[in-house]
Amino acid sequence: MQYKENYKNINANNLGISFSDEGSKMAQSIIFIHGFPLNKSMWKKQVDELKDNYRVITYDIRGHGNTENGSDEFSIDLFVKDLISFMDAMKIDKAILCGFSMGGYIALKAVKDYSKRFIALILSSTNCVADSPETIVYRARTIEILKEGTIGRFATESLKKLFCNESTNNSIPEIEIVREMIAGTSKQSLCSTLLALSAREETCSVLARIKMPTLILVGEDDEITPPDTARFMHEKIKKSTLHIIKQAGHLCNIEKPDEFNNQLKKFLSSIKPK
């Protein structure tokens, strides 16, 4: 299985952004935001499933995939500005937004600051809390390891947490695909993004103010953002639906694409176009 795609480039926020745009331009737009340290191709099976009925857009966050690094210091606020500028450049006034892990951090901040630009929210394998002191120290150590070692070592360590034990034990082909995504990210981007994640603000205080329909998805065996984290967000967001995907870890959309896609389609069918 190959995760190859045809991609395009557009300039937004003084940045060359790489993206894919599938489906009818007249259909409801859905924008997918990938996680760290991945790229837009992680959404391949979601694009294939939805493109017949929706306009499905994926893009690479700055410094990831084929999007430029730019000259600004990485931050979640900057990533949000990139997203809104990208939507403006694409002439998309309103969209459904789906964020995975780091993409969820961006999505929550975007909904907080630009709520009128979105009609529905999908949060996958993410959370609303800021980094704990312990996590900040861990990220700092990871940066040092990256500077002194190889991306290959970083990729190997990352994979242990991204997939559940069943996927790892069965050596599913997606593991090597994800390894390639990580290995294709520069050390500079990895380190800059780790700093951005460490410095991000919490968005838990925003949850109760989210009025749009929201779907929360998480893997039952997710060690990075456990189901209890998803349950907390579900309790705070009044119009939210929670679904826990069994036998899946952090990358539940890749490990269990059929179940993930079925939940997406069920949720999307309930959204009224705007």
Protein backbone atom coordinates (compact mmCIF):
# COMPACT_ATOMS: atom_id res chain seq x y z
CA MET A 1 0.00 0.00 0.00
CA GLN A 2 1.34 3.39 -0.99
CA TYR A 3 0.36 6.73 0.52
CA LYS A 4 1.23 8.71 -2.57
CA GLU A 5 -0.88 11.61 -3.74
CA ASN A 6 -1.05 14.46 -6.17
CA TYR A 7 -0.50 17.69 -4.31
CA LYS A 8 -0.64 21.38 -5.10
CA ASN A 9 0.98 24.47 -3.66
CA ILE A 10 -0.47 27.82 -2.66
CA ASN A 11 0.98 30.86 -0.93
CA ALA A 12 -0.65 31.88 2.33
CA ASN A 13 0.71 33.88 5.27
CA ASN A 14 3.96 34.36 3.30
CA LEU A 15 4.38 30.61 3.17
CA GLY A 16 4.33 28.01 0.42
CA ILE A 17 1.75 25.48 1.63
CA SER A 18 1.43 22.01 0.14
CA PHE A 19 -2.10 20.60 0.03
CA SER A 20 -4.48 18.16 -1.62
CA ASP A 21 -7.99 19.13 -2.72
CA GLU A 22 -10.30 16.27 -3.68
CA GLY A 23 -14.00 16.22 -4.53
CA SER A 24 -16.40 18.78 -5.93
CA LYS A 25 -15.70 22.46 -5.24
CA MET A 26 -19.47 22.83 -4.76
CA ALA A 27 -19.60 20.29 -1.92
CA GLN A 28 -19.20 20.97 1.79
CA SER A 29 -15.53 21.55 2.61
CA ILE A 30 -13.75 19.44 5.23
CA ILE A 31 -10.21 20.41 6.23
CA PHE A 32 -8.01 17.76 7.87
CA ILE A 33 -5.02 18.80 9.99
CA HIS A 34 -2.36 16.16 10.62
CA GLY A 35 -0.41 15.49 13.79
CA PHE A 36 3.24 15.66 14.80
CA PRO A 37 5.60 14.54 13.32
CA LEU A 38 3.53 13.46 10.33
CA ASN A 39 2.08 15.04 7.18
CA LYS A 40 -1.13 15.32 5.18
CA SER A 41 -0.79 11.82 3.70
CA MET A 42 -1.89 10.33 7.05
CA TRP A 43 -5.45 11.14 5.92
CA LYS A 44 -5.25 9.07 2.71
CA LYS A 45 -8.02 6.63 3.64
CA GLN A 46 -10.32 9.39 4.87
CA VAL A 47 -9.84 11.32 1.63
CA ASP A 48 -10.62 8.25 -0.45
CA GLU A 49 -13.76 7.53 1.57
CA LEU A 50 -15.21 11.04 1.59
CA LYS A 51 -14.20 12.66 -1.69
CA ASP A 52 -17.27 11.47 -3.61
CA ASN A 53 -19.60 13.45 -1.35
CA TYR A 54 -17.45 16.22 0.12
CA ARG A 55 -14.68 18.60 -0.81
CA VAL A 56 -11.85 17.05 1.19
CA ILE A 57 -8.77 19.16 1.83
CA THR A 58 -5.58 18.13 3.58
CA TYR A 59 -2.50 20.30 3.99
CA ASP A 60 0.97 20.12 5.48
CA ILE A 61 1.60 22.27 8.56
CA ARG A 62 4.64 24.50 8.12
CA GLY A 63 7.87 22.55 8.35
CA HIS A 64 6.12 19.23 7.67
CA GLY A 65 5.64 17.29 4.47
CA ASN A 66 6.19 19.60 1.53
CA THR A 67 5.26 22.90 3.20
CA GLU A 68 8.00 25.46 3.73
CA ASN A 69 9.38 26.29 7.17
CA GLY A 70 9.07 30.03 6.77
CA SER A 71 11.10 32.44 8.88
CA ASP A 72 8.81 32.84 11.92
CA GLU A 73 9.17 31.05 15.23
CA PHE A 74 6.82 28.07 15.36
CA SER A 75 3.81 28.33 17.66
CA ILE A 76 0.23 27.08 17.77
CA ASP A 77 -0.92 30.66 17.19
CA LEU A 78 1.21 30.82 14.04
CA PHE A 79 -0.16 27.48 12.84
CA VAL A 80 -3.69 28.86 13.31
CA LYS A 81 -2.83 31.97 11.31
CA ASP A 82 -1.47 29.70 8.58
CA LEU A 83 -4.75 27.78 8.56
CA ILE A 84 -6.94 30.86 8.29
CA SER A 85 -4.70 32.39 5.62
CA PHE A 86 -4.83 29.08 3.75
CA MET A 87 -8.64 29.10 3.89
CA ASP A 88 -8.68 32.69 2.63
CA ALA A 89 -6.32 31.81 -0.24
CA MET A 90 -8.56 28.84 -1.10
CA LYS A 91 -11.62 31.13 -0.89
CA ILE A 92 -13.22 28.90 1.76
CA ASP A 93 -15.46 30.95 4.02
CA LYS A 94 -16.70 28.13 6.25
CA ALA A 95 -15.55 24.55 6.72
CA ILE A 96 -15.80 21.47 8.87
CA LEU A 97 -12.49 21.11 10.70
CA CYS A 98 -10.84 17.84 11.72
CA GLY A 99 -7.65 17.84 13.78
CA PHE A 100 -5.55 14.89 14.89
CA SER A 101 -3.31 15.24 17.98
CA MET A 102 -1.31 18.44 17.28
CA GLY A 103 -3.87 19.16 14.58
CA GLY A 104 -6.47 19.07 17.36
CA TYR A 105 -4.53 21.71 19.30
CA ILE A 106 -4.63 23.88 16.20
CA ALA A 107 -8.30 23.14 15.60
CA LEU A 108 -9.34 24.05 19.15
CA LYS A 109 -7.39 27.32 19.03
CA ALA A 110 -8.85 28.11 15.59
CA VAL A 111 -12.38 27.49 16.83
CA LYS A 112 -11.67 29.72 19.81
CA ASP A 113 -10.34 32.62 17.75
CA TYR A 114 -12.31 32.21 14.51
CA SER A 115 -15.49 30.36 15.46
CA LYS A 116 -17.50 31.88 12.60
CA ARG A 117 -15.25 30.15 10.06
CA PHE A 118 -16.28 26.64 11.13
CA ILE A 119 -19.59 24.79 11.20
CA ALA A 120 -18.49 21.56 12.88
CA LEU A 121 -15.46 20.14 14.67
CA ILE A 122 -13.84 16.71 14.72
CA LEU A 123 -11.20 16.03 17.37
CA SER A 124 -9.15 12.86 17.02
CA SER A 125 -6.59 11.63 19.55
CA THR A 126 -6.03 15.03 21.08
CA ASN A 127 -6.48 16.99 24.29
CA CYS A 128 -7.00 20.51 25.61
CA VAL A 129 -4.41 20.71 28.38
CA ALA A 130 -1.08 22.50 28.22
CA ASP A 131 2.10 20.49 28.64
CA SER A 132 2.88 19.47 32.21
CA PRO A 133 6.33 20.36 33.61
CA GLU A 134 7.32 16.72 33.16
CA THR A 135 6.26 16.74 29.50
CA ILE A 136 8.13 19.98 28.85
CA VAL A 137 11.29 18.38 30.27
CA TYR A 138 10.68 15.30 28.11
CA ARG A 139 10.33 17.42 24.97
CA ALA A 140 13.53 19.31 25.83
CA ARG A 141 15.39 16.01 26.19
CA THR A 142 13.96 14.85 22.88
CA ILE A 143 15.31 17.99 21.22
CA GLU A 144 18.76 17.23 22.62
CA ILE A 145 18.55 13.64 21.37
CA LEU A 146 17.56 14.91 17.92
CA LYS A 147 20.45 17.33 17.81
CA GLU A 148 22.95 14.68 18.85
CA GLY A 149 21.50 11.65 17.11
CA THR A 150 19.55 10.62 14.05
CA ILE A 151 15.96 11.09 12.98
CA GLY A 152 15.81 7.32 12.56
CA ARG A 153 16.21 6.84 16.30
CA PHE A 154 13.54 9.44 16.96
CA ALA A 155 11.20 7.72 14.49
CA THR A 156 11.68 4.34 16.16
CA GLU A 157 10.88 5.75 19.60
CA SER A 158 7.85 7.65 18.26
CA LEU A 159 6.36 4.58 16.60
CA LYS A 160 6.23 2.75 19.93
CA LYS A 161 3.64 5.25 21.16
CA LEU A 162 1.74 5.88 17.94
CA PHE A 163 0.47 2.31 17.42
CA CYS A 164 -1.16 -0.13 19.80
CA ASN A 165 0.58 -3.39 20.74
CA GLU A 166 -1.57 -5.47 18.41
CA SER A 167 -0.56 -3.38 15.39
CA THR A 168 3.09 -3.49 16.41
CA ASN A 169 3.08 -7.24 17.07
CA ASN A 170 1.44 -7.87 13.70
CA SER A 171 3.90 -5.52 11.95
CA ILE A 172 1.14 -3.87 9.94
CA PRO A 173 2.50 -2.15 6.77
CA GLU A 174 1.26 1.23 7.96
CA ILE A 175 4.05 1.31 10.53
CA GLU A 176 6.71 1.68 7.83
CA ILE A 177 4.59 4.27 6.02
CA VAL A 178 4.44 6.36 9.17
CA ARG A 179 8.17 5.82 9.76
CA GLU A 180 8.81 7.34 6.33
CA MET A 181 6.64 10.35 7.18
CA ILE A 182 8.66 10.99 10.33
CA ALA A 183 12.01 10.39 8.62
CA GLY A 184 11.05 12.89 5.93
CA THR A 185 10.74 15.72 8.46
CA SER A 186 13.85 17.83 9.04
CA LYS A 187 15.54 18.06 12.44
CA GLN A 188 14.97 21.79 12.42
CA SER A 189 11.22 21.37 11.97
CA LEU A 190 11.01 18.62 14.57
CA CYS A 191 12.83 20.72 17.17
CA SER A 192 10.90 23.89 16.35
CA THR A 193 7.59 22.06 16.61
CA LEU A 194 8.52 20.44 19.92
CA LEU A 195 9.19 23.90 21.31
CA ALA A 196 5.85 25.12 19.98
CA LEU A 197 4.03 22.23 21.63
CA SER A 198 5.77 22.91 24.94
CA ALA A 199 4.77 26.57 24.88
CA ARG A 200 1.13 26.12 23.90
CA GLU A 201 -1.68 27.38 26.12
CA GLU A 202 -4.51 25.24 27.42
CA THR A 203 -7.84 25.30 25.59
CA CYS A 204 -9.91 23.42 28.17
CA SER A 205 -11.51 26.70 29.23
CA VAL A 206 -12.82 27.05 25.67
CA LEU A 207 -14.71 23.75 25.56
CA ALA A 208 -17.89 24.89 27.30
CA ARG A 209 -18.21 27.73 24.78
CA ILE A 210 -18.10 25.46 21.74
CA LYS A 211 -21.63 25.44 20.32
CA MET A 212 -21.03 23.66 17.02
CA PRO A 213 -21.56 19.90 16.53
CA THR A 214 -18.42 18.07 17.63
CA LEU A 215 -17.22 14.50 17.17
CA ILE A 216 -14.49 13.17 19.46
CA LEU A 217 -12.62 10.02 18.41
CA VAL A 218 -9.94 8.16 20.33
CA GLY A 219 -8.28 4.77 20.32
CA GLU A 220 -9.02 2.50 23.27
CA ASP A 221 -5.29 1.83 23.70
CA ASP A 222 -4.07 5.38 23.08
CA GLU A 223 -1.21 6.08 25.50
CA ILE A 224 -0.59 9.65 24.37
CA THR A 225 -4.16 10.94 24.71
CA PRO A 226 -6.06 8.25 26.64
CA PRO A 227 -9.84 7.78 26.46
CA ASP A 228 -10.28 9.57 29.81
CA THR A 229 -8.96 12.71 28.13
CA ALA A 230 -11.54 12.34 25.39
CA ARG A 231 -14.28 11.74 27.96
CA PHE A 232 -13.34 14.98 29.72
CA MET A 233 -13.69 16.97 26.51
CA HIS A 234 -16.95 15.22 25.71
CA GLU A 235 -18.39 16.22 29.08
CA LYS A 236 -17.43 19.86 28.54
CA ILE A 237 -18.62 20.24 24.93
CA LYS A 238 -22.41 20.11 25.06
CA LYS A 239 -23.05 19.17 21.42
CA SER A 240 -20.35 16.54 21.27
CA THR A 241 -20.41 12.85 20.42
CA LEU A 242 -17.72 10.49 21.70
CA HIS A 243 -16.63 7.24 20.11
CA ILE A 244 -13.84 5.04 21.43
CA ILE A 245 -12.26 2.79 18.81
CA LYS A 246 -11.26 -0.63 20.11
CA GLN A 247 -7.91 -2.26 19.36
CA ALA A 248 -6.43 1.06 18.26
CA GLY A 249 -3.74 3.33 19.62
CA HIS A 250 -2.99 6.97 18.90
CA LEU A 251 -3.22 6.60 15.12
CA CYS A 252 -6.74 5.21 15.22
CA ASN A 253 -7.63 6.61 11.78
CA ILE A 254 -4.82 4.53 10.25
CA GLU A 255 -5.11 1.41 12.42
CA LYS A 256 -8.91 1.13 12.16
CA PRO A 257 -9.84 3.18 9.07
CA ASP A 258 -13.18 1.48 8.43
CA GLU A 259 -14.54 2.17 11.91
CA PHE A 260 -13.04 5.66 11.93
CA ASN A 261 -14.57 6.44 8.54
CA ASN A 262 -17.96 5.04 9.51
CA GLN A 263 -18.06 7.34 12.52
CA LEU A 264 -17.01 10.26 10.33
CA LYS A 265 -19.74 9.60 7.79
CA LYS A 266 -22.39 9.13 10.46
CA PHE A 267 -21.43 12.44 12.05
CA LEU A 268 -21.11 14.32 8.78
CA SER A 269 -24.53 13.15 7.60
CA SER A 270 -26.04 14.98 10.55
CA ILE A 271 -24.41 18.32 9.66
CA LYS A 272 -26.54 20.79 7.75
CA PRO A 273 -24.58 22.49 4.93
CA LYS A 274 -23.96 26.23 5.34
